[in-house]
Amino acid sequence: MLVAFSISPTSTDPTGSVTEAVAAAVRVVRESGLPNETTSMFTTIEGEWDEVMAVVKRAVDVVAEVSPRVGLVLKADIRPGFEGQLSAKVERVESALRS
């Protein structure tokens, strides 16, 4: 399964920056050992349901430690029997663009 998610902390920083809180969430994902990718808007991770959701929960919990309110947007591609789709889906599109 692929899960793309975005965590939005409420900032208590006078500058409005949420960089440190978001970095803490991404650190949780990277330390999980699951295949992942972070873009400007979402972090995507790949794995089994329970392990992926556990990582998302830990990432939210880390942000909640420094933010009085946390928003979560999550999109899942649940496709049993398929692995390596984090890169394979992009490769298929890139291949089609070269055709």
PDB file of N, CA and C in Angstrom:
ATOM      1  N   MET A   1       0.843  -1.172   0.000  1.00  0.00           N
ATOM      2  CA  MET A   1       0.000   0.000   0.000  1.00  0.00           C
ATOM      3  C   MET A   1       0.884   1.229   0.000  1.00  0.00           C
ATOM      4  N   LEU A   2       0.417   2.242  -0.682  1.00  0.00           N
ATOM      5  CA  LEU A   2       1.060   3.557  -0.663  1.00  0.00           C
ATOM      6  C   LEU A   2       0.178   4.507   0.129  1.00  0.00           C
ATOM      7  N   VAL A   3       0.805   5.296   0.976  1.00  0.00           N
ATOM      8  CA  VAL A   3       0.071   6.327   1.710  1.00  0.00           C
ATOM      9  C   VAL A   3       0.804   7.644   1.532  1.00  0.00           C
ATOM     10  N   ALA A   4       0.100   8.619   1.001  1.00  0.00           N
ATOM     11  CA  ALA A   4       0.628   9.987   0.894  1.00  0.00           C
ATOM     12  C   ALA A   4      -0.076  10.787   1.978  1.00  0.00           C
ATOM     13  N   PHE A   5       0.718  11.477   2.784  1.00  0.00           N
ATOM     14  CA  PHE A   5       0.102  12.255   3.845  1.00  0.00           C
ATOM     15  C   PHE A   5       0.827  13.571   4.060  1.00  0.00           C
ATOM     16  N   SER A   6       0.080  14.494   4.631  1.00  0.00           N
ATOM     17  CA  SER A   6       0.602  15.814   4.958  1.00  0.00           C
ATOM     18  C   SER A   6       0.129  16.154   6.362  1.00  0.00           C
ATOM     19  N   ILE A   7       1.074  16.556   7.193  1.00  0.00           N
ATOM     20  CA  ILE A   7       0.757  16.959   8.554  1.00  0.00           C
ATOM     21  C   ILE A   7       0.909  18.468   8.641  1.00  0.00           C
ATOM     22  N   SER A   8      -0.109  19.131   9.163  1.00  0.00           N
ATOM     23  CA  SER A   8      -0.085  20.587   9.279  1.00  0.00           C
ATOM     24  C   SER A   8      -0.163  20.997  10.741  1.00  0.00           C
ATOM     25  N   PRO A   9       0.977  21.362  11.311  1.00  0.00           N
ATOM     26  CA  PRO A   9       0.948  21.838  12.698  1.00  0.00           C
ATOM     27  C   PRO A   9       0.475  23.285  12.766  1.00  0.00           C
ATOM     28  N   THR A  10      -0.097  23.630  13.896  1.00  0.00           N
ATOM     29  CA  THR A  10      -0.380  25.028  14.176  1.00  0.00           C
ATOM     30  C   THR A  10       0.896  25.602  14.771  1.00  0.00           C
ATOM     31  N   SER A  11       1.338  26.688  14.238  1.00  0.00           N
ATOM     32  CA  SER A  11       2.601  27.260  14.694  1.00  0.00           C
ATOM     33  C   SER A  11       2.428  28.116  15.932  1.00  0.00           C
ATOM     34  N   THR A  12       3.341  27.939  16.872  1.00  0.00           N
ATOM     35  CA  THR A  12       3.413  28.844  18.018  1.00  0.00           C
ATOM     36  C   THR A  12       4.634  29.748  17.877  1.00  0.00           C
ATOM     37  N   ASP A  13       5.368  29.556  16.779  1.00  0.00           N
ATOM     38  CA  ASP A  13       6.537  30.378  16.473  1.00  0.00           C
ATOM     39  C   ASP A  13       6.051  31.746  15.982  1.00  0.00           C
ATOM     40  N   PRO A  14       6.589  32.840  16.527  1.00  0.00           N
ATOM     41  CA  PRO A  14       6.149  34.178  16.101  1.00  0.00           C
ATOM     42  C   PRO A  14       6.314  34.420  14.597  1.00  0.00           C
ATOM     43  N   THR A  15       7.244  33.712  13.952  1.00  0.00           N
ATOM     44  CA  THR A  15       7.450  33.885  12.508  1.00  0.00           C
ATOM     45  C   THR A  15       6.459  33.063  11.687  1.00  0.00           C
ATOM     46  N   GLY A  16       5.724  32.170  12.354  1.00  0.00           N
ATOM     47  CA  GLY A  16       4.771  31.325  11.639  1.00  0.00           C
ATOM     48  C   GLY A  16       5.409  30.081  11.045  1.00  0.00           C
ATOM     49  N   SER A  17       6.691  29.850  11.319  1.00  0.00           N
ATOM     50  CA  SER A  17       7.398  28.712  10.739  1.00  0.00           C
ATOM     51  C   SER A  17       6.968  27.398  11.378  1.00  0.00           C
ATOM     52  N   VAL A  18       6.768  26.401  10.542  1.00  0.00           N
ATOM     53  CA  VAL A  18       6.444  25.055  11.016  1.00  0.00           C
ATOM     54  C   VAL A  18       7.527  24.062  10.597  1.00  0.00           C
ATOM     55  N   THR A  19       8.644  24.576  10.106  1.00  0.00           N
ATOM     56  CA  THR A  19       9.707  23.739   9.550  1.00  0.00           C
ATOM     57  C   THR A  19      10.194  22.679  10.520  1.00  0.00           C
ATOM     58  N   GLU A  20      10.473  23.040  11.746  1.00  0.00           N
ATOM     59  CA  GLU A  20      11.020  22.078  12.707  1.00  0.00           C
ATOM     60  C   GLU A  20      10.031  20.965  13.020  1.00  0.00           C
ATOM     61  N   ALA A  21       8.766  21.303  13.157  1.00  0.00           N
ATOM     62  CA  ALA A  21       7.750  20.286  13.441  1.00  0.00           C
ATOM     63  C   ALA A  21       7.593  19.338  12.258  1.00  0.00           C
ATOM     64  N   VAL A  22       7.585  19.871  11.052  1.00  0.00           N
ATOM     65  CA  VAL A  22       7.465  19.034   9.855  1.00  0.00           C
ATOM     66  C   VAL A  22       8.703  18.157   9.710  1.00  0.00           C
ATOM     67  N   ALA A  23       9.867  18.714   9.973  1.00  0.00           N
ATOM     68  CA  ALA A  23      11.112  17.933   9.898  1.00  0.00           C
ATOM     69  C   ALA A  23      11.081  16.773  10.885  1.00  0.00           C
ATOM     70  N   ALA A  24      10.529  16.987  12.062  1.00  0.00           N
ATOM     71  CA  ALA A  24      10.431  15.913  13.052  1.00  0.00           C
ATOM     72  C   ALA A  24       9.545  14.781  12.532  1.00  0.00           C
ATOM     73  N   ALA A  25       8.452  15.133  11.860  1.00  0.00           N
ATOM     74  CA  ALA A  25       7.562  14.114  11.287  1.00  0.00           C
ATOM     75  C   ALA A  25       8.261  13.343  10.178  1.00  0.00           C
ATOM     76  N   VAL A  26       8.971  14.043   9.315  1.00  0.00           N
ATOM     77  CA  VAL A  26       9.689  13.382   8.221  1.00  0.00           C
ATOM     78  C   VAL A  26      10.787  12.482   8.786  1.00  0.00           C
ATOM     79  N   ARG A  27      11.421  12.909   9.851  1.00  0.00           N
ATOM     80  CA  ARG A  27      12.455  12.091  10.497  1.00  0.00           C
ATOM     81  C   ARG A  27      11.872  10.750  10.961  1.00  0.00           C
ATOM     82  N   VAL A  28      10.680  10.779  11.532  1.00  0.00           N
ATOM     83  CA  VAL A  28      10.007   9.548  11.957  1.00  0.00           C
ATOM     84  C   VAL A  28       9.830   8.619  10.763  1.00  0.00           C
ATOM     85  N   VAL A  29       9.386   9.168   9.639  1.00  0.00           N
ATOM     86  CA  VAL A  29       9.165   8.360   8.434  1.00  0.00           C
ATOM     87  C   VAL A  29      10.479   7.759   7.961  1.00  0.00           C
ATOM     88  N   ARG A  30      11.508   8.560   7.865  1.00  0.00           N
ATOM     89  CA  ARG A  30      12.799   8.067   7.360  1.00  0.00           C
ATOM     90  C   ARG A  30      13.406   7.022   8.280  1.00  0.00           C
ATOM     91  N   GLU A  31      13.240   7.196   9.576  1.00  0.00           N
ATOM     92  CA  GLU A  31      13.784   6.229  10.524  1.00  0.00           C
ATOM     93  C   GLU A  31      12.985   4.930  10.567  1.00  0.00           C
ATOM     94  N   SER A  32      11.800   4.922   9.968  1.00  0.00           N
ATOM     95  CA  SER A  32      10.965   3.715   9.957  1.00  0.00           C
ATOM     96  C   SER A  32      11.572   2.608   9.109  1.00  0.00           C
ATOM     97  N   GLY A  33      12.391   2.979   8.146  1.00  0.00           N
ATOM     98  CA  GLY A  33      12.965   1.989   7.246  1.00  0.00           C
ATOM     99  C   GLY A  33      12.065   1.637   6.071  1.00  0.00           C
ATOM    100  N   LEU A  34      10.847   2.161   6.044  1.00  0.00           N
ATOM    101  CA  LEU A  34       9.950   1.907   4.916  1.00  0.00           C
ATOM    102  C   LEU A  34      10.361   2.777   3.729  1.00  0.00           C
ATOM    103  N   PRO A  35      10.137   2.300   2.505  1.00  0.00           N
ATOM    104  CA  PRO A  35      10.394   3.146   1.343  1.00  0.00           C
ATOM    105  C   PRO A  35       9.559   4.417   1.459  1.00  0.00           C
ATOM    106  N   ASN A  36      10.174   5.564   1.183  1.00  0.00           N
ATOM    107  CA  ASN A  36       9.457   6.827   1.328  1.00  0.00           C
ATOM    108  C   ASN A  36      10.014   7.885   0.401  1.00  0.00           C
ATOM    109  N   GLU A  37       9.230   8.923   0.232  1.00  0.00           N
ATOM    110  CA  GLU A  37       9.614  10.054  -0.605  1.00  0.00           C
ATOM    111  C   GLU A  37       8.914  11.293  -0.046  1.00  0.00           C
ATOM    112  N   THR A  38       9.660  12.364   0.082  1.00  0.00           N
ATOM    113  CA  THR A  38       9.075  13.607   0.556  1.00  0.00           C
ATOM    114  C   THR A  38       9.145  14.642  -0.554  1.00  0.00           C
ATOM    115  N   THR A  39       8.017  15.299  -0.815  1.00  0.00           N
ATOM    116  CA  THR A  39       7.956  16.384  -1.784  1.00  0.00           C
ATOM    117  C   THR A  39       7.546  17.650  -1.038  1.00  0.00           C
ATOM    118  N   SER A  40       7.332  18.709  -1.766  1.00  0.00           N
ATOM    119  CA  SER A  40       6.992  19.980  -1.121  1.00  0.00           C
ATOM    120  C   SER A  40       5.638  19.953  -0.412  1.00  0.00           C
ATOM    121  N   MET A  41       4.779  19.026  -0.777  1.00  0.00           N
ATOM    122  CA  MET A  41       3.424  19.008  -0.216  1.00  0.00           C
ATOM    123  C   MET A  41       3.086  17.750   0.582  1.00  0.00           C
ATOM    124  N   PHE A  42       3.686  16.604   0.250  1.00  0.00           N
ATOM    125  CA  PHE A  42       3.323  15.339   0.874  1.00  0.00           C
ATOM    126  C   PHE A  42       4.550  14.473   1.118  1.00  0.00           C
ATOM    127  N   THR A  43       4.401  13.552   2.036  1.00  0.00           N
ATOM    128  CA  THR A  43       5.354  12.464   2.203  1.00  0.00           C
ATOM    129  C   THR A  43       4.600  11.192   1.871  1.00  0.00           C
ATOM    130  N   THR A  44       5.210  10.338   1.056  1.00  0.00           N
ATOM    131  CA  THR A  44       4.597   9.076   0.659  1.00  0.00           C
ATOM    132  C   THR A  44       5.431   7.941   1.227  1.00  0.00           C
ATOM    133  N   ILE A  45       4.755   6.958   1.806  1.00  0.00           N
ATOM    134  CA  ILE A  45       5.445   5.780   2.320  1.00  0.00           C
ATOM    135  C   ILE A  45       4.762   4.530   1.783  1.00  0.00           C
ATOM    136  N   GLU A  46       5.537   3.450   1.701  1.00  0.00           N
ATOM    137  CA  GLU A  46       5.020   2.200   1.168  1.00  0.00           C
ATOM    138  C   GLU A  46       5.255   1.074   2.162  1.00  0.00           C
ATOM    139  N   GLY A  47       4.243   0.243   2.345  1.00  0.00           N
ATOM    140  CA  GLY A  47       4.366  -0.904   3.239  1.00  0.00           C
ATOM    141  C   GLY A  47       3.012  -1.525   3.494  1.00  0.00           C
ATOM    142  N   GLU A  48       2.973  -2.388   4.480  1.00  0.00           N
ATOM    143  CA  GLU A  48       1.720  -3.031   4.869  1.00  0.00           C
ATOM    144  C   GLU A  48       0.882  -2.069   5.719  1.00  0.00           C
ATOM    145  N   TRP A  49      -0.419  -2.269   5.711  1.00  0.00           N
ATOM    146  CA  TRP A  49      -1.371  -1.378   6.389  1.00  0.00           C
ATOM    147  C   TRP A  49      -0.920  -1.021   7.803  1.00  0.00           C
ATOM    148  N   ASP A  50      -0.724  -2.021   8.640  1.00  0.00           N
ATOM    149  CA  ASP A  50      -0.421  -1.759  10.051  1.00  0.00           C
ATOM    150  C   ASP A  50       0.880  -0.995  10.237  1.00  0.00           C
ATOM    151  N   GLU A  51       1.912  -1.336   9.467  1.00  0.00           N
ATOM    152  CA  GLU A  51       3.191  -0.652   9.645  1.00  0.00           C
ATOM    153  C   GLU A  51       3.136   0.781   9.120  1.00  0.00           C
ATOM    154  N   VAL A  52       2.449   0.996   8.014  1.00  0.00           N
ATOM    155  CA  VAL A  52       2.324   2.351   7.461  1.00  0.00           C
ATOM    156  C   VAL A  52       1.516   3.240   8.406  1.00  0.00           C
ATOM    157  N   MET A  53       0.386   2.735   8.872  1.00  0.00           N
ATOM    158  CA  MET A  53      -0.458   3.542   9.757  1.00  0.00           C
ATOM    159  C   MET A  53       0.236   3.823  11.093  1.00  0.00           C
ATOM    160  N   ALA A  54       1.050   2.896  11.565  1.00  0.00           N
ATOM    161  CA  ALA A  54       1.803   3.123  12.802  1.00  0.00           C
ATOM    162  C   ALA A  54       2.809   4.262  12.621  1.00  0.00           C
ATOM    163  N   VAL A  55       3.429   4.324  11.446  1.00  0.00           N
ATOM    164  CA  VAL A  55       4.378   5.407  11.170  1.00  0.00           C
ATOM    165  C   VAL A  55       3.646   6.744  11.089  1.00  0.00           C
ATOM    166  N   VAL A  56       2.514   6.776  10.412  1.00  0.00           N
ATOM    167  CA  VAL A  56       1.728   8.015  10.324  1.00  0.00           C
ATOM    168  C   VAL A  56       1.329   8.477  11.728  1.00  0.00           C
ATOM    169  N   LYS A  57       0.890   7.559  12.562  1.00  0.00           N
ATOM    170  CA  LYS A  57       0.500   7.924  13.935  1.00  0.00           C
ATOM    171  C   LYS A  57       1.693   8.490  14.706  1.00  0.00           C
ATOM    172  N   ARG A  58       2.853   7.838  14.595  1.00  0.00           N
ATOM    173  CA  ARG A  58       4.043   8.346  15.295  1.00  0.00           C
ATOM    174  C   ARG A  58       4.416   9.735  14.798  1.00  0.00           C
ATOM    175  N   ALA A  59       4.304   9.953  13.493  1.00  0.00           N
ATOM    176  CA  ALA A  59       4.628  11.271  12.935  1.00  0.00           C
ATOM    177  C   ALA A  59       3.670  12.336  13.473  1.00  0.00           C
ATOM    178  N   VAL A  60       2.388  12.021  13.537  1.00  0.00           N
ATOM    179  CA  VAL A  60       1.405  12.960  14.095  1.00  0.00           C
ATOM    180  C   VAL A  60       1.715  13.211  15.570  1.00  0.00           C
ATOM    181  N   ASP A  61       2.022  12.161  16.307  1.00  0.00           N
ATOM    182  CA  ASP A  61       2.319  12.306  17.736  1.00  0.00           C
ATOM    183  C   ASP A  61       3.525  13.214  17.984  1.00  0.00           C
ATOM    184  N   VAL A  62       4.548  13.100  17.150  1.00  0.00           N
ATOM    185  CA  VAL A  62       5.752  13.933  17.295  1.00  0.00           C
ATOM    186  C   VAL A  62       5.399  15.406  17.064  1.00  0.00           C
ATOM    187  N   VAL A  63       4.581  15.664  16.067  1.00  0.00           N
ATOM    188  CA  VAL A  63       4.165  17.043  15.793  1.00  0.00           C
ATOM    189  C   VAL A  63       3.273  17.557  16.921  1.00  0.00           C
ATOM    190  N   ALA A  64       2.409  16.708  17.435  1.00  0.00           N
ATOM    191  CA  ALA A  64       1.502  17.112  18.512  1.00  0.00           C
ATOM    192  C   ALA A  64       2.253  17.493  19.790  1.00  0.00           C
ATOM    193  N   GLU A  65       3.464  17.001  19.943  1.00  0.00           N
ATOM    194  CA  GLU A  65       4.272  17.364  21.108  1.00  0.00           C
ATOM    195  C   GLU A  65       4.633  18.851  21.116  1.00  0.00           C
ATOM    196  N   VAL A  66       4.664  19.471  19.934  1.00  0.00           N
ATOM    197  CA  VAL A  66       5.069  20.882  19.850  1.00  0.00           C
ATOM    198  C   VAL A  66       3.991  21.787  19.255  1.00  0.00           C
ATOM    199  N   SER A  67       2.851  21.209  18.943  1.00  0.00           N
ATOM    200  CA  SER A  67       1.790  21.985  18.318  1.00  0.00           C
ATOM    201  C   SER A  67       0.475  21.756  19.049  1.00  0.00           C
ATOM    202  N   PRO A  68      -0.244  22.821  19.370  1.00  0.00           N
ATOM    203  CA  PRO A  68      -1.511  22.654  20.076  1.00  0.00           C
ATOM    204  C   PRO A  68      -2.619  22.043  19.213  1.00  0.00           C
ATOM    205  N   ARG A  69      -2.409  22.055  17.895  1.00  0.00           N
ATOM    206  CA  ARG A  69      -3.413  21.511  16.973  1.00  0.00           C
ATOM    207  C   ARG A  69      -2.689  20.967  15.756  1.00  0.00           C
ATOM    208  N   VAL A  70      -3.135  19.795  15.265  1.00  0.00           N
ATOM    209  CA  VAL A  70      -2.479  19.142  14.129  1.00  0.00           C
ATOM    210  C   VAL A  70      -3.535  18.744  13.109  1.00  0.00           C
ATOM    211  N   GLY A  71      -3.298  19.115  11.844  1.00  0.00           N
ATOM    212  CA  GLY A  71      -4.169  18.679  10.754  1.00  0.00           C
ATOM    213  C   GLY A  71      -3.477  17.553  10.003  1.00  0.00           C
ATOM    214  N   LEU A  72      -4.250  16.591   9.508  1.00  0.00           N
ATOM    215  CA  LEU A  72      -3.700  15.466   8.760  1.00  0.00           C
ATOM    216  C   LEU A  72      -4.533  15.240   7.509  1.00  0.00           C
ATOM    217  N   VAL A  73      -3.860  15.208   6.354  1.00  0.00           N
ATOM    218  CA  VAL A  73      -4.485  14.833   5.092  1.00  0.00           C
ATOM    219  C   VAL A  73      -3.815  13.539   4.665  1.00  0.00           C
ATOM    220  N   LEU A  74      -4.613  12.530   4.319  1.00  0.00           N
ATOM    221  CA  LEU A  74      -4.064  11.215   3.991  1.00  0.00           C
ATOM    222  C   LEU A  74      -4.775  10.645   2.771  1.00  0.00           C
ATOM    223  N   LYS A  75      -3.983  10.109   1.859  1.00  0.00           N
ATOM    224  CA  LYS A  75      -4.537   9.440   0.676  1.00  0.00           C
ATOM    225  C   LYS A  75      -3.830   8.091   0.556  1.00  0.00           C
ATOM    226  N   ALA A  76      -4.608   7.023   0.362  1.00  0.00           N
ATOM    227  CA  ALA A  76      -4.024   5.683   0.309  1.00  0.00           C
ATOM    228  C   ALA A  76      -4.365   4.982  -0.998  1.00  0.00           C
ATOM    229  N   ASP A  77      -3.383   4.240  -1.503  1.00  0.00           N
ATOM    230  CA  ASP A  77      -3.571   3.361  -2.657  1.00  0.00           C
ATOM    231  C   ASP A  77      -3.397   1.944  -2.124  1.00  0.00           C
ATOM    232  N   ILE A  78      -4.507   1.263  -1.919  1.00  0.00           N
ATOM    233  CA  ILE A  78      -4.494  -0.070  -1.320  1.00  0.00           C
ATOM    234  C   ILE A  78      -4.597  -1.086  -2.448  1.00  0.00           C
ATOM    235  N   ARG A  79      -3.480  -1.773  -2.705  1.00  0.00           N
ATOM    236  CA  ARG A  79      -3.416  -2.697  -3.834  1.00  0.00           C
ATOM    237  C   ARG A  79      -2.638  -3.942  -3.406  1.00  0.00           C
ATOM    238  N   PRO A  80      -3.312  -4.908  -2.779  1.00  0.00           N
ATOM    239  CA  PRO A  80      -2.630  -6.104  -2.284  1.00  0.00           C
ATOM    240  C   PRO A  80      -1.849  -6.828  -3.377  1.00  0.00           C
ATOM    241  N   GLY A  81      -0.689  -7.339  -2.984  1.00  0.00           N
ATOM    242  CA  GLY A  81       0.128  -8.114  -3.917  1.00  0.00           C
ATOM    243  C   GLY A  81       1.104  -7.295  -4.730  1.00  0.00           C
ATOM    244  N   PHE A  82       1.109  -5.984  -4.572  1.00  0.00           N
ATOM    245  CA  PHE A  82       2.022  -5.139  -5.332  1.00  0.00           C
ATOM    246  C   PHE A  82       3.014  -4.478  -4.382  1.00  0.00           C
ATOM    247  N   GLU A  83       4.273  -4.517  -4.747  1.00  0.00           N
ATOM    248  CA  GLU A  83       5.335  -3.847  -3.996  1.00  0.00           C
ATOM    249  C   GLU A  83       6.142  -3.000  -4.964  1.00  0.00           C
ATOM    250  N   GLY A  84       6.914  -2.081  -4.440  1.00  0.00           N
ATOM    251  CA  GLY A  84       7.776  -1.257  -5.279  1.00  0.00           C
ATOM    252  C   GLY A  84       7.027  -0.219  -6.092  1.00  0.00           C
ATOM    253  N   GLN A  85       5.803   0.075  -5.711  1.00  0.00           N
ATOM    254  CA  GLN A  85       4.988   0.997  -6.496  1.00  0.00           C
ATOM    255  C   GLN A  85       5.352   2.459  -6.279  1.00  0.00           C
ATOM    256  N   LEU A  86       6.099   2.753  -5.226  1.00  0.00           N
ATOM    257  CA  LEU A  86       6.531   4.128  -4.973  1.00  0.00           C
ATOM    258  C   LEU A  86       7.287   4.670  -6.179  1.00  0.00           C
ATOM    259  N   SER A  87       8.131   3.850  -6.761  1.00  0.00           N
ATOM    260  CA  SER A  87       8.868   4.284  -7.953  1.00  0.00           C
ATOM    261  C   SER A  87       8.256   3.741  -9.243  1.00  0.00           C
ATOM    262  N   ALA A  88       7.657   2.562  -9.201  1.00  0.00           N
ATOM    263  CA  ALA A  88       7.134   1.941 -10.422  1.00  0.00           C
ATOM    264  C   ALA A  88       6.032   2.765 -11.076  1.00  0.00           C
ATOM    265  N   LYS A  89       5.163   3.371 -10.267  1.00  0.00           N
ATOM    266  CA  LYS A  89       4.077   4.171 -10.832  1.00  0.00           C
ATOM    267  C   LYS A  89       4.635   5.374 -11.583  1.00  0.00           C
ATOM    268  N   VAL A  90       5.644   6.003 -11.017  1.00  0.00           N
ATOM    269  CA  VAL A  90       6.273   7.162 -11.667  1.00  0.00           C
ATOM    270  C   VAL A  90       7.005   6.722 -12.924  1.00  0.00           C
ATOM    271  N   GLU A  91       7.697   5.595 -12.849  1.00  0.00           N
ATOM    272  CA  GLU A  91       8.422   5.091 -14.019  1.00  0.00           C
ATOM    273  C   GLU A  91       7.483   4.802 -15.185  1.00  0.00           C
ATOM    274  N   ARG A  92       6.292   4.264 -14.904  1.00  0.00           N
ATOM    275  CA  ARG A  92       5.334   3.999 -15.982  1.00  0.00           C
ATOM    276  C   ARG A  92       4.894   5.293 -16.666  1.00  0.00           C
ATOM    277  N   VAL A  93       4.666   6.329 -15.893  1.00  0.00           N
ATOM    278  CA  VAL A  93       4.268   7.618 -16.471  1.00  0.00           C
ATOM    279  C   VAL A  93       5.409   8.213 -17.268  1.00  0.00           C
ATOM    280  N   GLU A  94       6.624   8.171 -16.714  1.00  0.00           N
ATOM    281  CA  GLU A  94       7.787   8.699 -17.441  1.00  0.00           C
ATOM    282  C   GLU A  94       7.995   7.956 -18.758  1.00  0.00           C
ATOM    283  N   SER A  95       7.805   6.670 -18.742  1.00  0.00           N
ATOM    284  CA  SER A  95       7.941   5.859 -19.965  1.00  0.00           C
ATOM    285  C   SER A  95       6.909   6.284 -20.998  1.00  0.00           C
ATOM    286  N   ALA A  96       5.692   6.531 -20.559  1.00  0.00           N
ATOM    287  CA  ALA A  96       4.632   6.964 -21.473  1.00  0.00           C
ATOM    288  C   ALA A  96       4.957   8.344 -22.054  1.00  0.00           C
ATOM    289  N   LEU A  97       5.591   9.188 -21.274  1.00  0.00           N
ATOM    290  CA  LEU A  97       5.957  10.520 -21.760  1.00  0.00           C
ATOM    291  C   LEU A  97       7.056  10.461 -22.821  1.00  0.00           C
ATOM    292  N   ARG A  98       7.912   9.468 -22.715  1.00  0.00           N
ATOM    293  CA  ARG A  98       8.996   9.302 -23.710  1.00  0.00           C
ATOM    294  C   ARG A  98       8.506   8.685 -25.005  1.00  0.00           C
ATOM    295  N   SER A  99       7.329   8.074 -24.960  1.00  0.00           N
ATOM    296  CA  SER A  99       6.803   7.375 -26.160  1.00  0.00           C
ATOM    297  C   SER A  99       6.287   8.344 -27.189  1.00  0.00           C
TER     298      SER A  99
END
